[in-house]
Structure formats: structure tokens, C-alpha cells
Amino acid sequence: METSYSIFIIDIGSESTAETPIKGAEHRENISPKGLANPEEWFSLVHKPVPIKEAMKIKKARDAINHEWEKLEKKGSWPYETVREKADVIKENKANKTKAHFGQLMILCHIKNAQLECELWDYKGRLVFRGDQVKDEDGKYAVFSEQGTCASHLMAARFVDAIAHMPGMSGEDADATGAYTQTQLGPECPKTWITLPKDRWPKEWFGKYTEPVVELRTNLYGHPLAGLFWEKHCQKAVTAVGFTKVTGWECLYKHEKWGLFLSIYVDDFKMGG
């Protein structure tokens, strides 16, 4: 039996109630004609890393990286008005016997569809938090809770597929926009400060600061607890519209009123009913 699947993009942070379902963005075809003539090419979709020094010499790559910077800056991910001298922040936390984390960002660039001719390449820039280099106010490597995200079982996704194939049923797949960065760092994490590369410093910083740091507020990819904060954000959003957890199944939800089952795997949402 044929089943119709829709693919759309969803912002899980949108305001919603049980009467007004979460609003997604306009429909976007995730599978676009890229000259993929051979069936094998549809399953290649090579994501090739580009060294940053090389990426900065390529206009499309630079534009992709700058787009990522601007997107996160617009979200207020690290408000520039929070700037302080790192030494002063450390001194203050030691005096008050409070915890603080200090880290840095790492720039990534990849070529999407690298298996195709170069004119068909798409460049993707991303900023991630160096979760392996986080230190506390004493200069020691930060220790994070071992609490992680719940397991998302493959059988849960298959269960939703099976329901979608039943008579009178249908299914939808959704990809969360920005995923982790839709939410903030949680209270489980001490105040986190990051060092920005000099080419992103506002001009008034030069000559005024030696080692400036700004407060990181957005939940960035790479943070050791990023998955946990995102999962809590998702659970809060879907339960707000009437979904409840299926007993014994992690990351699988049901909606009694609408007759739906929802499986969540990181930023992938699969729903059937």
C-alpha cells in the first residue's frame, strides 16, 4: 500500500497550544534536482571537509561561514555588551567561590554533494563549541555531568512507519531548523565565557582589552551537554501541544486526541497516524 510522506522544516520553539499545532516553515523540497542522473548518486551525498585556510580563499565558502556567524550573532548567542577582560572574570569567580567555564569556538566548512561536478557544490559553514577544551576558573579542564540524552530506538521509527502504512493513515518527516541552537544553555551549566577570533572583534575592543571574553548563551553544537538541553527543549515543546511519552519507549510520544505517534531522533521528527 502506498503512503504519502511530507517533508517540511519545523521550528520546535514556536509558540503553540493543543488547539493550535506547532507552525512550520514553508514547504521545502529536501531532495532537489542536482543533476543526479544515476540512482547510486542519490545515496552518495558526500559531505567533504574543507580546511579553513583554504575555505577563506573561496568566496562561496567565505560567504557560508560569514552567514553562520551573522545568524548566531543575530540570535544574541554571545551578546557583545557582556564583554569583559578574562582575567577579571577569573578573579571575580575565585573571590566569590563561584564556578565559570571558559571555551572557544571552532569554525568548520564542508562541501555538500562533493561527489558531483564543482559547479553543483554547496558550501556549508558551521560554528561549534570546543567541548574538548573547556576549562574552569582554576585553569583545570571542566567536569560535566555524565547525564546524556535518552536513546532513540530504531524500532520506534519503524513503529511509526508501520502505522503510517495502515489504511486511512499517513506520515510526515520533519527536520528541525538550527536544532540545538534553538535553545539556551541550561542551568546545569555554569556561566560560560568564550574567546572570539580577532577578526570578529568590534573595533572598539582593540587597544582596550588584552584577552576579552563574552558570555555564551546559545546552546551550540559541540557543547558536552548540548544534546541534553535540546532534548529537554523538545520535550517541553511537544508536551505543550498534548503529546505524552509512551511508557517504556524513550523519545517516542503519543497524542491521544489527534491519534498520532511521534518519534524524535536529534533533529529528525517522524510522525504517523
C-alpha atoms as a PDB file:
ATOM      1  CA  MET A   1       0.000   0.000   0.000  1.00  0.00           C
ATOM      2  CA  GLU A   2       1.372   3.418  -0.956  1.00  0.00           C
ATOM      3  CA  THR A   3       1.806   6.032   1.751  1.00  0.00           C
ATOM      4  CA  SER A   4       2.183   9.766   1.199  1.00  0.00           C
ATOM      5  CA  TYR A   5       5.010  11.354   3.173  1.00  0.00           C
ATOM      6  CA  SER A   6       5.534  15.085   3.547  1.00  0.00           C
ATOM      7  CA  ILE A   7       8.923  16.630   4.275  1.00  0.00           C
ATOM      8  CA  PHE A   8       8.972  20.001   5.974  1.00  0.00           C
ATOM      9  CA  ILE A   9      11.078  22.166   8.244  1.00  0.00           C
ATOM     10  CA  ILE A  10       9.931  22.859  11.775  1.00  0.00           C
ATOM     11  CA  ASP A  11      10.933  25.338  14.457  1.00  0.00           C
ATOM     12  CA  ILE A  12      10.237  23.420  17.657  1.00  0.00           C
ATOM     13  CA  GLY A  13      10.467  26.670  19.599  1.00  0.00           C
ATOM     14  CA  SER A  14       7.362  28.187  18.029  1.00  0.00           C
ATOM     15  CA  GLU A  15       4.531  29.225  20.322  1.00  0.00           C
ATOM     16  CA  SER A  16       1.765  26.629  20.223  1.00  0.00           C
ATOM     17  CA  THR A  17      -1.107  25.102  22.148  1.00  0.00           C
ATOM     18  CA  ALA A  18      -3.091  21.903  21.872  1.00  0.00           C
ATOM     19  CA  GLU A  19      -5.637  23.778  19.743  1.00  0.00           C
ATOM     20  CA  THR A  20      -3.013  25.427  17.507  1.00  0.00           C
ATOM     21  CA  PRO A  21      -0.355  22.949  16.379  1.00  0.00           C
ATOM     22  CA  ILE A  22       3.278  23.935  16.029  1.00  0.00           C
ATOM     23  CA  LYS A  23       3.757  26.086  12.948  1.00  0.00           C
ATOM     24  CA  GLY A  24       6.443  25.029  10.493  1.00  0.00           C
ATOM     25  CA  ALA A  25       8.180  26.960   7.774  1.00  0.00           C
ATOM     26  CA  GLU A  26       7.041  26.881   4.170  1.00  0.00           C
ATOM     27  CA  HIS A  27       7.321  23.517   2.443  1.00  0.00           C
ATOM     28  CA  ARG A  28      10.838  22.895   1.160  1.00  0.00           C
ATOM     29  CA  GLU A  29      11.884  20.000  -1.026  1.00  0.00           C
ATOM     30  CA  ASN A  30      14.894  18.421   0.679  1.00  0.00           C
ATOM     31  CA  ILE A  31      15.600  16.381  -2.440  1.00  0.00           C
ATOM     32  CA  SER A  32      16.411  18.856  -5.194  1.00  0.00           C
ATOM     33  CA  PRO A  33      17.434  18.149  -8.804  1.00  0.00           C
ATOM     34  CA  LYS A  34      21.217  18.410  -8.732  1.00  0.00           C
ATOM     35  CA  GLY A  35      21.934  16.510 -11.908  1.00  0.00           C
ATOM     36  CA  LEU A  36      21.822  13.203 -10.058  1.00  0.00           C
ATOM     37  CA  ALA A  37      21.244  11.009 -13.089  1.00  0.00           C
ATOM     38  CA  ASN A  38      22.398   7.709 -11.620  1.00  0.00           C
ATOM     39  CA  PRO A  39      20.449   6.118  -8.735  1.00  0.00           C
ATOM     40  CA  GLU A  40      23.720   5.492  -6.882  1.00  0.00           C
ATOM     41  CA  GLU A  41      24.378   9.237  -6.661  1.00  0.00           C
ATOM     42  CA  TRP A  42      21.282   9.761  -4.539  1.00  0.00           C
ATOM     43  CA  PHE A  43      22.922   7.646  -1.853  1.00  0.00           C
ATOM     44  CA  SER A  44      26.360   9.284  -2.092  1.00  0.00           C
ATOM     45  CA  LEU A  45      25.703  12.846  -0.900  1.00  0.00           C
ATOM     46  CA  VAL A  46      29.328  13.286   0.145  1.00  0.00           C
ATOM     47  CA  HIS A  47      29.983  15.920   2.827  1.00  0.00           C
ATOM     48  CA  LYS A  48      33.641  16.855   2.391  1.00  0.00           C
ATOM     49  CA  PRO A  49      35.521  18.957   4.983  1.00  0.00           C
ATOM     50  CA  VAL A  50      37.474  21.976   3.724  1.00  0.00           C
ATOM     51  CA  PRO A  51      40.479  23.297   5.711  1.00  0.00           C
ATOM     52  CA  ILE A  52      39.624  26.788   6.975  1.00  0.00           C
ATOM     53  CA  LYS A  53      42.697  28.418   5.420  1.00  0.00           C
ATOM     54  CA  GLU A  54      41.632  27.024   2.058  1.00  0.00           C
ATOM     55  CA  ALA A  55      37.974  27.896   2.647  1.00  0.00           C
ATOM     56  CA  MET A  56      38.814  31.553   3.261  1.00  0.00           C
ATOM     57  CA  LYS A  57      40.240  31.741  -0.263  1.00  0.00           C
ATOM     58  CA  ILE A  58      36.934  30.612  -1.809  1.00  0.00           C
ATOM     59  CA  LYS A  59      34.160  33.214  -1.987  1.00  0.00           C
ATOM     60  CA  LYS A  60      31.255  30.751  -1.641  1.00  0.00           C
ATOM     61  CA  ALA A  61      32.938  29.149   1.365  1.00  0.00           C
ATOM     62  CA  ARG A  62      33.627  32.542   2.993  1.00  0.00           C
ATOM     63  CA  ASP A  63      30.025  33.576   2.406  1.00  0.00           C
ATOM     64  CA  ALA A  64      28.770  30.351   4.020  1.00  0.00           C
ATOM     65  CA  ILE A  65      30.977  30.900   7.079  1.00  0.00           C
ATOM     66  CA  ASN A  66      30.000  34.573   7.398  1.00  0.00           C
ATOM     67  CA  HIS A  67      26.328  33.597   7.103  1.00  0.00           C
ATOM     68  CA  GLU A  68      26.734  31.275  10.091  1.00  0.00           C
ATOM     69  CA  TRP A  69      28.487  33.989  12.131  1.00  0.00           C
ATOM     70  CA  GLU A  70      25.773  36.528  11.336  1.00  0.00           C
ATOM     71  CA  LYS A  71      22.945  34.091  12.054  1.00  0.00           C
ATOM     72  CA  LEU A  72      24.260  33.305  15.537  1.00  0.00           C
ATOM     73  CA  GLU A  73      25.137  36.928  16.279  1.00  0.00           C
ATOM     74  CA  LYS A  74      21.588  37.955  15.343  1.00  0.00           C
ATOM     75  CA  LYS A  75      20.255  35.392  17.844  1.00  0.00           C
ATOM     76  CA  GLY A  76      22.299  37.031  20.606  1.00  0.00           C
ATOM     77  CA  SER A  77      24.329  33.866  21.090  1.00  0.00           C
ATOM     78  CA  TRP A  78      27.159  35.844  22.697  1.00  0.00           C
ATOM     79  CA  PRO A  79      25.975  39.416  23.423  1.00  0.00           C
ATOM     80  CA  TYR A  80      28.873  41.768  22.729  1.00  0.00           C
ATOM     81  CA  GLU A  81      27.789  44.024  25.580  1.00  0.00           C
ATOM     82  CA  THR A  82      28.791  41.260  28.047  1.00  0.00           C
ATOM     83  CA  VAL A  83      32.464  41.689  27.113  1.00  0.00           C
ATOM     84  CA  ARG A  84      34.938  41.616  29.995  1.00  0.00           C
ATOM     85  CA  GLU A  85      38.623  41.005  30.483  1.00  0.00           C
ATOM     86  CA  LYS A  86      39.126  37.281  31.066  1.00  0.00           C
ATOM     87  CA  ALA A  87      41.495  37.868  33.986  1.00  0.00           C
ATOM     88  CA  ASP A  88      38.851  39.985  35.738  1.00  0.00           C
ATOM     89  CA  VAL A  89      36.197  37.292  35.346  1.00  0.00           C
ATOM     90  CA  ILE A  90      38.537  34.655  36.745  1.00  0.00           C
ATOM     91  CA  LYS A  91      39.497  36.890  39.690  1.00  0.00           C
ATOM     92  CA  GLU A  92      35.839  37.606  40.468  1.00  0.00           C
ATOM     93  CA  ASN A  93      34.815  33.928  40.412  1.00  0.00           C
ATOM     94  CA  LYS A  94      37.697  32.928  42.647  1.00  0.00           C
ATOM     95  CA  ALA A  95      36.839  35.678  45.117  1.00  0.00           C
ATOM     96  CA  ASN A  96      33.159  34.676  45.185  1.00  0.00           C
ATOM     97  CA  LYS A  97      33.961  30.952  45.068  1.00  0.00           C
ATOM     98  CA  THR A  98      31.663  30.504  42.073  1.00  0.00           C
ATOM     99  CA  LYS A  99      32.144  28.299  39.038  1.00  0.00           C
ATOM    100  CA  ALA A 100      32.721  29.523  35.490  1.00  0.00           C
ATOM    101  CA  HIS A 101      33.624  27.843  32.233  1.00  0.00           C
ATOM    102  CA  PHE A 102      35.913  29.252  29.556  1.00  0.00           C
ATOM    103  CA  GLY A 103      35.968  27.996  25.993  1.00  0.00           C
ATOM    104  CA  GLN A 104      36.333  28.914  22.375  1.00  0.00           C
ATOM    105  CA  LEU A 105      34.608  28.448  19.048  1.00  0.00           C
ATOM    106  CA  MET A 106      35.807  26.369  16.128  1.00  0.00           C
ATOM    107  CA  ILE A 107      34.927  27.190  12.523  1.00  0.00           C
ATOM    108  CA  LEU A 108      34.003  24.327  10.208  1.00  0.00           C
ATOM    109  CA  CYS A 109      33.373  24.331   6.472  1.00  0.00           C
ATOM    110  CA  HIS A 110      32.157  21.462   4.305  1.00  0.00           C
ATOM    111  CA  ILE A 111      31.237  20.864   0.696  1.00  0.00           C
ATOM    112  CA  LYS A 112      27.821  19.277   0.285  1.00  0.00           C
ATOM    113  CA  ASN A 113      27.395  16.961  -2.725  1.00  0.00           C
ATOM    114  CA  ALA A 114      31.183  16.840  -3.161  1.00  0.00           C
ATOM    115  CA  GLN A 115      30.808  13.769  -5.401  1.00  0.00           C
ATOM    116  CA  LEU A 116      29.340  15.986  -8.147  1.00  0.00           C
ATOM    117  CA  GLU A 117      30.951  18.474 -10.515  1.00  0.00           C
ATOM    118  CA  CYS A 118      32.285  21.565  -8.717  1.00  0.00           C
ATOM    119  CA  GLU A 119      29.593  23.852 -10.172  1.00  0.00           C
ATOM    120  CA  LEU A 120      26.997  21.773  -8.303  1.00  0.00           C
ATOM    121  CA  TRP A 121      28.729  22.034  -4.914  1.00  0.00           C
ATOM    122  CA  ASP A 122      27.109  23.724  -1.929  1.00  0.00           C
ATOM    123  CA  TYR A 123      29.291  25.135   0.853  1.00  0.00           C
ATOM    124  CA  LYS A 124      28.155  24.828   4.462  1.00  0.00           C
ATOM    125  CA  GLY A 125      29.712  26.831   7.285  1.00  0.00           C
ATOM    126  CA  ARG A 126      29.236  25.997  10.950  1.00  0.00           C
ATOM    127  CA  LEU A 127      30.446  27.326  14.291  1.00  0.00           C
ATOM    128  CA  VAL A 128      30.819  24.783  17.073  1.00  0.00           C
ATOM    129  CA  PHE A 129      31.837  24.998  20.707  1.00  0.00           C
ATOM    130  CA  ARG A 130      35.151  23.307  21.547  1.00  0.00           C
ATOM    131  CA  GLY A 131      33.720  20.953  24.140  1.00  0.00           C
ATOM    132  CA  ASP A 132      37.095  19.222  24.493  1.00  0.00           C
ATOM    133  CA  GLN A 133      38.868  22.418  25.559  1.00  0.00           C
ATOM    134  CA  VAL A 134      36.610  23.812  28.285  1.00  0.00           C
ATOM    135  CA  LYS A 135      38.409  24.975  31.432  1.00  0.00           C
ATOM    136  CA  ASP A 136      37.190  26.358  34.745  1.00  0.00           C
ATOM    137  CA  GLU A 137      38.249  29.419  36.752  1.00  0.00           C
ATOM    138  CA  ASP A 138      41.266  27.494  38.083  1.00  0.00           C
ATOM    139  CA  GLY A 139      42.513  26.613  34.609  1.00  0.00           C
ATOM    140  CA  LYS A 140      41.562  22.953  35.024  1.00  0.00           C
ATOM    141  CA  TYR A 141      39.551  21.019  32.479  1.00  0.00           C
ATOM    142  CA  ALA A 142      35.852  21.345  33.257  1.00  0.00           C
ATOM    143  CA  VAL A 143      33.947  18.324  34.508  1.00  0.00           C
ATOM    144  CA  PHE A 144      30.459  17.767  33.115  1.00  0.00           C
ATOM    145  CA  SER A 145      27.621  15.608  34.327  1.00  0.00           C
ATOM    146  CA  GLU A 146      27.503  12.193  32.699  1.00  0.00           C
ATOM    147  CA  GLN A 147      23.778  12.648  32.206  1.00  0.00           C
ATOM    148  CA  GLY A 148      23.125  12.266  28.495  1.00  0.00           C
ATOM    149  CA  THR A 149      20.201  12.153  26.154  1.00  0.00           C
ATOM    150  CA  CYS A 150      17.664   9.358  26.040  1.00  0.00           C
ATOM    151  CA  ALA A 151      18.149   6.650  23.448  1.00  0.00           C
ATOM    152  CA  SER A 152      16.130   6.973  20.268  1.00  0.00           C
ATOM    153  CA  HIS A 153      15.315   3.431  19.201  1.00  0.00           C
ATOM    154  CA  LEU A 154      15.267   2.400  15.546  1.00  0.00           C
ATOM    155  CA  MET A 155      12.201   0.288  16.306  1.00  0.00           C
ATOM    156  CA  ALA A 156      10.328   3.424  17.343  1.00  0.00           C
ATOM    157  CA  ALA A 157      10.840   4.912  13.866  1.00  0.00           C
ATOM    158  CA  ARG A 158       9.798   1.610  12.279  1.00  0.00           C
ATOM    159  CA  PHE A 159       6.723   1.544  14.509  1.00  0.00           C
ATOM    160  CA  VAL A 160       5.690   4.982  13.228  1.00  0.00           C
ATOM    161  CA  ASP A 161       6.340   3.827   9.636  1.00  0.00           C
ATOM    162  CA  ALA A 162       4.131   0.796  10.192  1.00  0.00           C
ATOM    163  CA  ILE A 163       1.285   2.978  11.479  1.00  0.00           C
ATOM    164  CA  ALA A 164       1.662   5.347   8.509  1.00  0.00           C
ATOM    165  CA  HIS A 165       1.199   2.386   6.127  1.00  0.00           C
ATOM    166  CA  MET A 166      -2.070   1.281   7.673  1.00  0.00           C
ATOM    167  CA  PRO A 167      -5.375   2.013   5.870  1.00  0.00           C
ATOM    168  CA  GLY A 168      -6.505   5.608   6.371  1.00  0.00           C
ATOM    169  CA  MET A 169      -3.196   6.626   7.942  1.00  0.00           C
ATOM    170  CA  SER A 170      -0.395   8.915   6.768  1.00  0.00           C
ATOM    171  CA  GLY A 171       3.034  10.042   7.858  1.00  0.00           C
ATOM    172  CA  GLU A 172       5.295  13.078   7.915  1.00  0.00           C
ATOM    173  CA  ASP A 173       9.013  13.688   8.369  1.00  0.00           C
ATOM    174  CA  ALA A 174      10.348  16.990   9.711  1.00  0.00           C
ATOM    175  CA  ASP A 175      13.807  18.453  10.149  1.00  0.00           C
ATOM    176  CA  ALA A 176      14.265  20.987  12.959  1.00  0.00           C
ATOM    177  CA  THR A 177      15.823  24.256  11.809  1.00  0.00           C
ATOM    178  CA  GLY A 178      19.027  25.000  13.653  1.00  0.00           C
ATOM    179  CA  ALA A 179      18.185  22.243  16.160  1.00  0.00           C
ATOM    180  CA  TYR A 180      20.439  22.739  19.210  1.00  0.00           C
ATOM    181  CA  THR A 181      20.768  26.491  18.672  1.00  0.00           C
ATOM    182  CA  GLN A 182      17.010  26.971  19.131  1.00  0.00           C
ATOM    183  CA  THR A 183      17.539  26.857  22.880  1.00  0.00           C
ATOM    184  CA  GLN A 184      19.874  28.267  25.534  1.00  0.00           C
ATOM    185  CA  LEU A 185      22.486  26.675  27.766  1.00  0.00           C
ATOM    186  CA  GLY A 186      20.677  25.093  30.714  1.00  0.00           C
ATOM    187  CA  PRO A 187      21.012  25.788  34.444  1.00  0.00           C
ATOM    188  CA  GLU A 188      23.086  22.604  34.794  1.00  0.00           C
ATOM    189  CA  CYS A 189      25.927  24.534  33.180  1.00  0.00           C
ATOM    190  CA  PRO A 190      27.939  27.286  34.960  1.00  0.00           C
ATOM    191  CA  LYS A 191      28.150  30.665  33.230  1.00  0.00           C
ATOM    192  CA  THR A 192      30.230  30.080  30.120  1.00  0.00           C
ATOM    193  CA  TRP A 193      32.590  32.613  28.552  1.00  0.00           C
ATOM    194  CA  ILE A 194      34.133  32.343  25.091  1.00  0.00           C
ATOM    195  CA  THR A 195      37.064  33.942  23.315  1.00  0.00           C
ATOM    196  CA  LEU A 196      36.316  35.251  19.821  1.00  0.00           C
ATOM    197  CA  PRO A 197      38.857  35.341  16.978  1.00  0.00           C
ATOM    198  CA  LYS A 198      40.289  38.822  16.420  1.00  0.00           C
ATOM    199  CA  ASP A 199      38.684  39.206  13.011  1.00  0.00           C
ATOM    200  CA  ARG A 200      35.289  39.187  14.774  1.00  0.00           C
ATOM    201  CA  TRP A 201      36.229  41.771  17.418  1.00  0.00           C
ATOM    202  CA  PRO A 202      34.338  45.079  17.306  1.00  0.00           C
ATOM    203  CA  LYS A 203      36.813  47.876  16.514  1.00  0.00           C
ATOM    204  CA  GLU A 204      36.339  49.452  19.966  1.00  0.00           C
ATOM    205  CA  TRP A 205      37.840  46.356  21.603  1.00  0.00           C
ATOM    206  CA  PHE A 206      41.269  46.954  20.099  1.00  0.00           C
ATOM    207  CA  GLY A 207      43.539  48.795  22.492  1.00  0.00           C
ATOM    208  CA  LYS A 208      41.009  48.383  25.308  1.00  0.00           C
ATOM    209  CA  TYR A 209      41.160  44.631  26.023  1.00  0.00           C
ATOM    210  CA  THR A 210      44.021  42.161  26.158  1.00  0.00           C
ATOM    211  CA  GLU A 211      42.001  38.942  26.273  1.00  0.00           C
ATOM    212  CA  PRO A 212      38.296  39.789  26.027  1.00  0.00           C
ATOM    213  CA  VAL A 213      35.611  37.175  26.660  1.00  0.00           C
ATOM    214  CA  VAL A 214      31.854  37.302  26.111  1.00  0.00           C
ATOM    215  CA  GLU A 215      29.112  35.239  27.698  1.00  0.00           C
ATOM    216  CA  LEU A 216      27.887  32.286  25.630  1.00  0.00           C
ATOM    217  CA  ARG A 217      24.125  31.884  25.918  1.00  0.00           C
ATOM    218  CA  THR A 218      23.041  29.794  22.925  1.00  0.00           C
ATOM    219  CA  ASN A 219      23.267  26.017  23.058  1.00  0.00           C
ATOM    220  CA  LEU A 220      25.924  25.419  20.386  1.00  0.00           C
ATOM    221  CA  TYR A 221      26.870  22.157  18.710  1.00  0.00           C
ATOM    222  CA  GLY A 222      29.906  20.666  20.406  1.00  0.00           C
ATOM    223  CA  HIS A 223      28.932  21.545  23.971  1.00  0.00           C
ATOM    224  CA  PRO A 224      29.117  18.359  26.101  1.00  0.00           C
ATOM    225  CA  LEU A 225      25.525  18.877  27.299  1.00  0.00           C
ATOM    226  CA  ALA A 226      24.086  20.260  24.040  1.00  0.00           C
ATOM    227  CA  GLY A 227      22.067  17.100  23.356  1.00  0.00           C
ATOM    228  CA  LEU A 228      20.566  17.119  26.838  1.00  0.00           C
ATOM    229  CA  PHE A 229      19.469  20.768  26.614  1.00  0.00           C
ATOM    230  CA  TRP A 230      17.946  20.155  23.168  1.00  0.00           C
ATOM    231  CA  GLU A 231      16.068  17.057  24.341  1.00  0.00           C
ATOM    232  CA  LYS A 232      14.550  18.942  27.279  1.00  0.00           C
ATOM    233  CA  HIS A 233      13.568  21.763  24.930  1.00  0.00           C
ATOM    234  CA  CYS A 234      11.888  19.306  22.534  1.00  0.00           C
ATOM    235  CA  GLN A 235      10.025  17.510  25.306  1.00  0.00           C
ATOM    236  CA  LYS A 236       8.698  20.789  26.693  1.00  0.00           C
ATOM    237  CA  ALA A 237       7.512  21.876  23.242  1.00  0.00           C
ATOM    238  CA  VAL A 238       5.764  18.651  22.208  1.00  0.00           C
ATOM    239  CA  THR A 239       4.112  18.076  25.588  1.00  0.00           C
ATOM    240  CA  ALA A 240       2.777  21.649  25.414  1.00  0.00           C
ATOM    241  CA  VAL A 241       0.642  20.622  22.428  1.00  0.00           C
ATOM    242  CA  GLY A 242      -0.703  17.462  24.074  1.00  0.00           C
ATOM    243  CA  PHE A 243       1.871  14.752  23.386  1.00  0.00           C
ATOM    244  CA  THR A 244       2.813  12.375  26.209  1.00  0.00           C
ATOM    245  CA  LYS A 245       5.678   9.898  26.454  1.00  0.00           C
ATOM    246  CA  VAL A 246       4.963   6.300  25.505  1.00  0.00           C
ATOM    247  CA  THR A 247       5.679   4.166  28.567  1.00  0.00           C
ATOM    248  CA  GLY A 248       8.886   2.173  28.174  1.00  0.00           C
ATOM    249  CA  TRP A 249       9.928   3.970  24.982  1.00  0.00           C
ATOM    250  CA  GLU A 250      12.435   6.818  25.106  1.00  0.00           C
ATOM    251  CA  CYS A 251      11.896   9.657  22.602  1.00  0.00           C
ATOM    252  CA  LEU A 252       8.555   8.239  21.422  1.00  0.00           C
ATOM    253  CA  TYR A 253       5.389  10.230  22.099  1.00  0.00           C
ATOM    254  CA  LYS A 254       1.657   9.772  21.512  1.00  0.00           C
ATOM    255  CA  HIS A 255      -1.207  12.240  21.167  1.00  0.00           C
ATOM    256  CA  GLU A 256      -4.492  10.728  22.348  1.00  0.00           C
ATOM    257  CA  LYS A 257      -6.746  13.467  20.906  1.00  0.00           C
ATOM    258  CA  TRP A 258      -5.158  13.611  17.454  1.00  0.00           C
ATOM    259  CA  GLY A 259      -4.375   9.878  17.231  1.00  0.00           C
ATOM    260  CA  LEU A 260      -0.697  10.435  16.439  1.00  0.00           C
ATOM    261  CA  PHE A 261       2.662   8.894  17.312  1.00  0.00           C
ATOM    262  CA  LEU A 262       5.832  10.987  17.166  1.00  0.00           C
ATOM    263  CA  SER A 263       9.413   9.729  17.138  1.00  0.00           C
ATOM    264  CA  ILE A 264      12.257  12.204  17.772  1.00  0.00           C
ATOM    265  CA  TYR A 265      15.852  11.456  16.789  1.00  0.00           C
ATOM    266  CA  VAL A 266      18.064  14.510  17.462  1.00  0.00           C
ATOM    267  CA  ASP A 267      16.666  16.997  14.893  1.00  0.00           C
ATOM    268  CA  ASP A 268      14.579  14.474  12.912  1.00  0.00           C
ATOM    269  CA  PHE A 269      10.871  14.215  13.684  1.00  0.00           C
ATOM    270  CA  LYS A 270       8.788  11.331  12.307  1.00  0.00           C
ATOM    271  CA  MET A 271       5.041  11.290  12.867  1.00  0.00           C
ATOM    272  CA  GLY A 272       2.328   8.854  11.841  1.00  0.00           C
ATOM    273  CA  GLY A 273      -1.391   8.469  12.433  1.00  0.00           C
END
